[in-house]
Protein backbone atom coordinates (compact mmCIF):
# COMPACT_ATOMS: atom_id res chain seq x y z
CA MET A 1 11.28 -4.22 14.02
CA ARG A 2 11.96 -1.94 11.08
CA HIS A 3 9.51 -1.92 8.35
CA GLU A 4 11.83 -2.88 5.85
CA GLU A 5 13.02 -6.01 7.52
CA ALA A 6 9.45 -7.02 8.14
CA PHE A 7 8.32 -6.58 4.75
CA LYS A 8 11.32 -8.92 3.54
CA ARG A 9 10.27 -11.48 6.22
CA LEU A 10 6.43 -11.65 5.37
CA PRO A 11 6.78 -15.03 3.46
CA ASP A 12 7.86 -16.61 6.79
CA LEU A 13 4.38 -16.18 8.09
CA LEU A 14 3.20 -18.19 5.43
CA ASP A 15 5.38 -21.31 6.58
CA ASP A 16 4.20 -21.06 10.00
CA ARG A 17 7.48 -19.38 11.46
CA ASP A 18 5.79 -17.18 13.83
CA ASP A 19 7.90 -14.47 15.12
CA PRO A 20 6.36 -12.31 17.94
CA ASP A 21 8.23 -9.13 16.77
CA LEU A 22 7.08 -9.86 12.99
CA LEU A 23 3.53 -10.50 14.16
CA ALA A 24 3.39 -7.32 16.13
CA HIS A 25 4.49 -5.11 13.33
CA VAL A 26 2.09 -6.71 10.83
CA HIS A 27 -0.67 -6.04 13.35
CA ALA A 28 0.19 -2.22 13.27
CA CYS A 29 1.20 -1.97 9.73
CA ALA A 30 -1.31 -1.72 6.95
CA ASP A 31 0.98 -2.03 4.13
CA CYS A 32 2.37 -5.21 5.51
CA GLN A 33 -1.13 -6.79 6.02
CA ARG A 34 -1.93 -5.93 2.63
CA GLN A 35 1.22 -7.49 1.17
CA LEU A 36 0.65 -10.66 3.45
CA PHE A 37 -2.82 -10.94 2.22
CA LEU A 38 -1.54 -10.89 -1.36
CA LEU A 39 1.31 -13.31 -0.72
CA GLY A 40 -1.12 -15.75 0.81
CA ARG A 41 -3.42 -15.53 -2.15
CA VAL A 42 -0.60 -16.32 -4.38
CA ASP A 43 0.52 -19.06 -2.22
CA ARG A 44 -2.71 -20.78 -2.23
CA MET A 45 -3.14 -20.41 -5.93
CA LEU A 46 0.26 -21.94 -6.39
CA ARG A 47 -0.55 -24.72 -3.90
CA ASP A 48 -3.98 -25.66 -5.34
CA GLY A 49 -2.27 -25.63 -9.00
CA ALA A 50 0.57 -27.92 -7.77
CA ALA A 51 -2.05 -30.41 -5.91
CA ALA A 52 -3.92 -30.66 -9.00
CA ARG A 53 -0.99 -31.47 -11.29
CA GLU A 54 0.73 -33.59 -8.48
CA VAL A 55 2.62 -36.42 -10.07
CA PRO A 56 3.94 -39.72 -8.34
CA ARG A 57 7.58 -38.68 -8.36
CA GLN A 58 8.95 -35.19 -7.72
CA ARG A 59 10.30 -33.57 -10.92
CA TRP A 60 11.92 -30.18 -11.70
CA PRO A 61 9.39 -27.64 -12.82
CA THR A 62 9.39 -27.20 -16.69
CA VAL A 63 9.48 -23.99 -18.45
CA ARG A 64 5.72 -24.29 -19.05
CA GLN A 65 4.87 -24.77 -15.53
CA LEU A 66 7.28 -21.94 -14.64
CA LEU A 67 5.28 -19.70 -17.29
CA ALA A 68 1.99 -20.85 -15.87
CA ALA A 69 2.77 -19.94 -12.20
CA ALA A 70 4.03 -16.40 -13.37
CA ALA A 71 0.83 -16.14 -15.37
CA ALA A 72 -1.24 -17.16 -12.17
CA VAL A 73 0.73 -14.58 -10.29
CA ALA A 74 0.03 -11.86 -12.85
CA ALA A 75 -3.71 -12.67 -12.69
CA ALA A 76 -3.77 -12.58 -8.88
CA VAL A 77 -1.85 -8.97 -9.22
CA ALA A 78 -4.53 -7.81 -11.84
CA ALA A 79 -7.30 -8.95 -9.63
CA THR A 80 -5.92 -7.17 -6.89
CA LEU A 81 -5.38 -4.06 -8.86
CA VAL A 82 -9.15 -4.16 -10.04
CA LEU A 83 -10.22 -4.35 -6.35
CA VAL A 84 -7.56 -1.44 -5.26
CA VAL A 85 -7.98 1.17 -7.98
CA PRO A 86 -10.63 3.70 -7.66
CA ARG A 87 -13.55 3.05 -10.20
CA ASN A 88 -15.27 6.35 -9.96
CA ALA A 89 -15.53 8.49 -12.82
CA HIS A 90 -15.67 11.58 -10.60
CA ALA A 91 -12.14 10.85 -9.35
CA HIS A 92 -10.00 13.86 -9.33
CA GLU A 93 -6.27 14.14 -8.99
CA LEU A 94 -3.98 16.30 -6.75
CA ILE A 95 -0.25 16.91 -6.79
CA LEU A 96 1.65 17.82 -3.63
CA THR A 97 4.78 19.96 -4.01
CA SER A 98 7.41 20.58 -1.58
CA VAL A 99 8.12 24.11 -0.46
CA SER A 100 10.67 24.83 -3.30
CA GLY A 101 8.03 23.50 -5.84
CA ARG A 102 9.31 20.07 -6.54
CA PRO A 103 6.59 17.30 -7.05
CA MET A 104 6.64 15.16 -4.08
CA ALA A 105 3.24 13.08 -4.15
CA HIS A 106 0.30 12.28 -6.29
CA ALA A 107 -3.15 11.54 -4.76
CA VAL A 108 -6.11 10.44 -6.44
CA MET A 109 -9.65 11.11 -4.79
CA GLY A 110 -12.53 8.82 -5.62
CA HIS A 111 -15.89 7.69 -4.20
CA SER A 112 -15.61 4.54 -2.11
CA ASP A 113 -19.14 4.34 -0.64
CA ALA A 114 -22.04 6.17 0.57
CA ARG A 115 -19.94 7.57 3.62
CA ASN A 116 -16.49 7.35 2.43
CA ALA A 117 -14.20 8.94 -0.21
CA SER A 118 -11.23 7.09 -1.34
CA LEU A 119 -7.67 8.56 -1.28
CA ALA A 120 -4.96 6.58 -3.16
CA LEU A 121 -1.51 8.35 -2.44
CA THR A 122 1.74 7.71 -4.17
CA VAL A 123 4.99 9.53 -2.68
CA HIS A 124 8.22 9.75 -4.43
CA GLY A 125 11.55 11.63 -3.22
CA MET A 126 10.34 12.20 0.33
CA PRO A 127 13.50 12.43 2.71
CA SER A 128 13.89 8.67 3.77
CA ILE A 129 14.82 8.51 7.64
CA SER A 130 14.79 5.08 9.16
CA GLY A 131 11.41 4.83 11.33
CA HIS A 132 10.41 8.20 10.55
CA VAL A 133 6.64 8.55 10.33
CA TYR A 134 4.91 11.34 8.21
CA VAL A 135 1.32 12.51 8.56
CA LEU A 136 -1.30 13.28 5.99
CA TRP A 137 -3.98 16.05 6.45
CA ALA A 138 -7.04 16.93 4.38
CA GLY A 139 -9.01 20.13 4.33
CA ASP A 140 -11.88 21.86 2.86
CA ASP A 141 -13.24 25.43 3.32
CA GLN A 142 -14.41 24.92 6.72
CA SER A 143 -12.23 22.11 8.52
CA SER A 144 -9.35 20.14 8.35
CA MET A 145 -8.50 16.56 9.75
CA GLN A 146 -5.57 14.09 10.17
CA VAL A 147 -6.12 11.45 7.38
CA GLY A 148 -3.37 9.08 8.25
CA ARG A 149 0.18 8.22 9.01
CA PHE A 150 2.73 6.65 6.69
CA MET A 151 6.40 5.75 6.45
CA VAL A 152 8.65 5.85 3.11
CA ASP A 153 11.07 3.12 1.95
CA GLN A 154 14.82 3.80 1.38
CA SER A 155 14.23 5.58 -1.89
CA GLY A 156 11.68 8.08 -0.34
CA SER A 157 8.68 6.18 -1.88
CA CYS A 158 5.29 4.91 -0.68
CA HIS A 159 2.09 3.74 -1.88
CA ALA A 160 -0.78 4.14 0.65
CA ARG A 161 -4.73 4.22 0.76
CA PHE A 162 -6.70 6.16 3.05
CA ASN A 163 -10.53 6.78 3.46
CA LEU A 164 -12.13 10.19 4.43
CA PRO A 165 -15.81 11.29 5.31
CA ALA A 166 -17.54 11.59 1.98
CA ASN A 167 -19.61 14.71 3.41
CA HIS A 168 -16.64 17.20 2.82
CA ASP A 169 -15.19 18.57 -0.52
CA TRP A 170 -11.62 17.61 0.29
CA HIS A 171 -9.48 20.01 -1.99
CA ARG A 172 -6.42 20.63 0.02
CA LEU A 173 -3.95 18.14 1.28
CA TRP A 174 -0.61 18.43 2.95
CA ILE A 175 2.30 16.56 4.76
CA THR A 176 3.88 17.05 8.01
CA HIS A 177 6.22 15.21 10.31
CA VAL A 178 4.72 13.46 13.34
CA GLY A 179 5.15 16.08 16.15
CA ASN A 180 6.29 18.92 13.81
CA PRO A 181 3.58 21.14 11.96
CA ALA A 182 6.20 22.18 9.52
CA VAL A 183 4.58 21.49 6.13
CA VAL A 184 6.79 18.93 3.91
CA ALA A 185 4.64 19.06 0.85
CA THR A 186 1.24 20.55 -0.02
CA THR A 187 -1.37 21.11 -2.94
């Protein structure tokens, strides 16, 4: 199952429409897991709000109710962003550019906990090939490591989060294709 199709079908899992292919994809995809978690929170908030305001007969929602639901969704998104955005004052940013010098990715490194550094990666304009996987690497003066893998959507964009060991001074990042050491973008 392709990532884009699975991403669109995530709400089906909230209605107990279990599809083995969709469940297998979600099990292996951190982005879909995160989106399903957020959808579940919003669904619970909406259902709890509806149960509290339940009236004897079914009515169409009023404009005020629709605005309240939109506000609840906005609050859930804001609360999630507070949890996801790095809060360290020592965070530093890195720009990854293509071989031709075009900016392709933005990375923010921050402190996660005593043993981990947090890396938030935002990619734009990466070549979009269906099912194609990219690899993010990190290096310091003495070593390098594979940070993780990610895929981009049809527009070549992606938002991903990774953790790295905090006992290194990661100051160099680069992106390659899976199985191909040619660098696509680097700091």
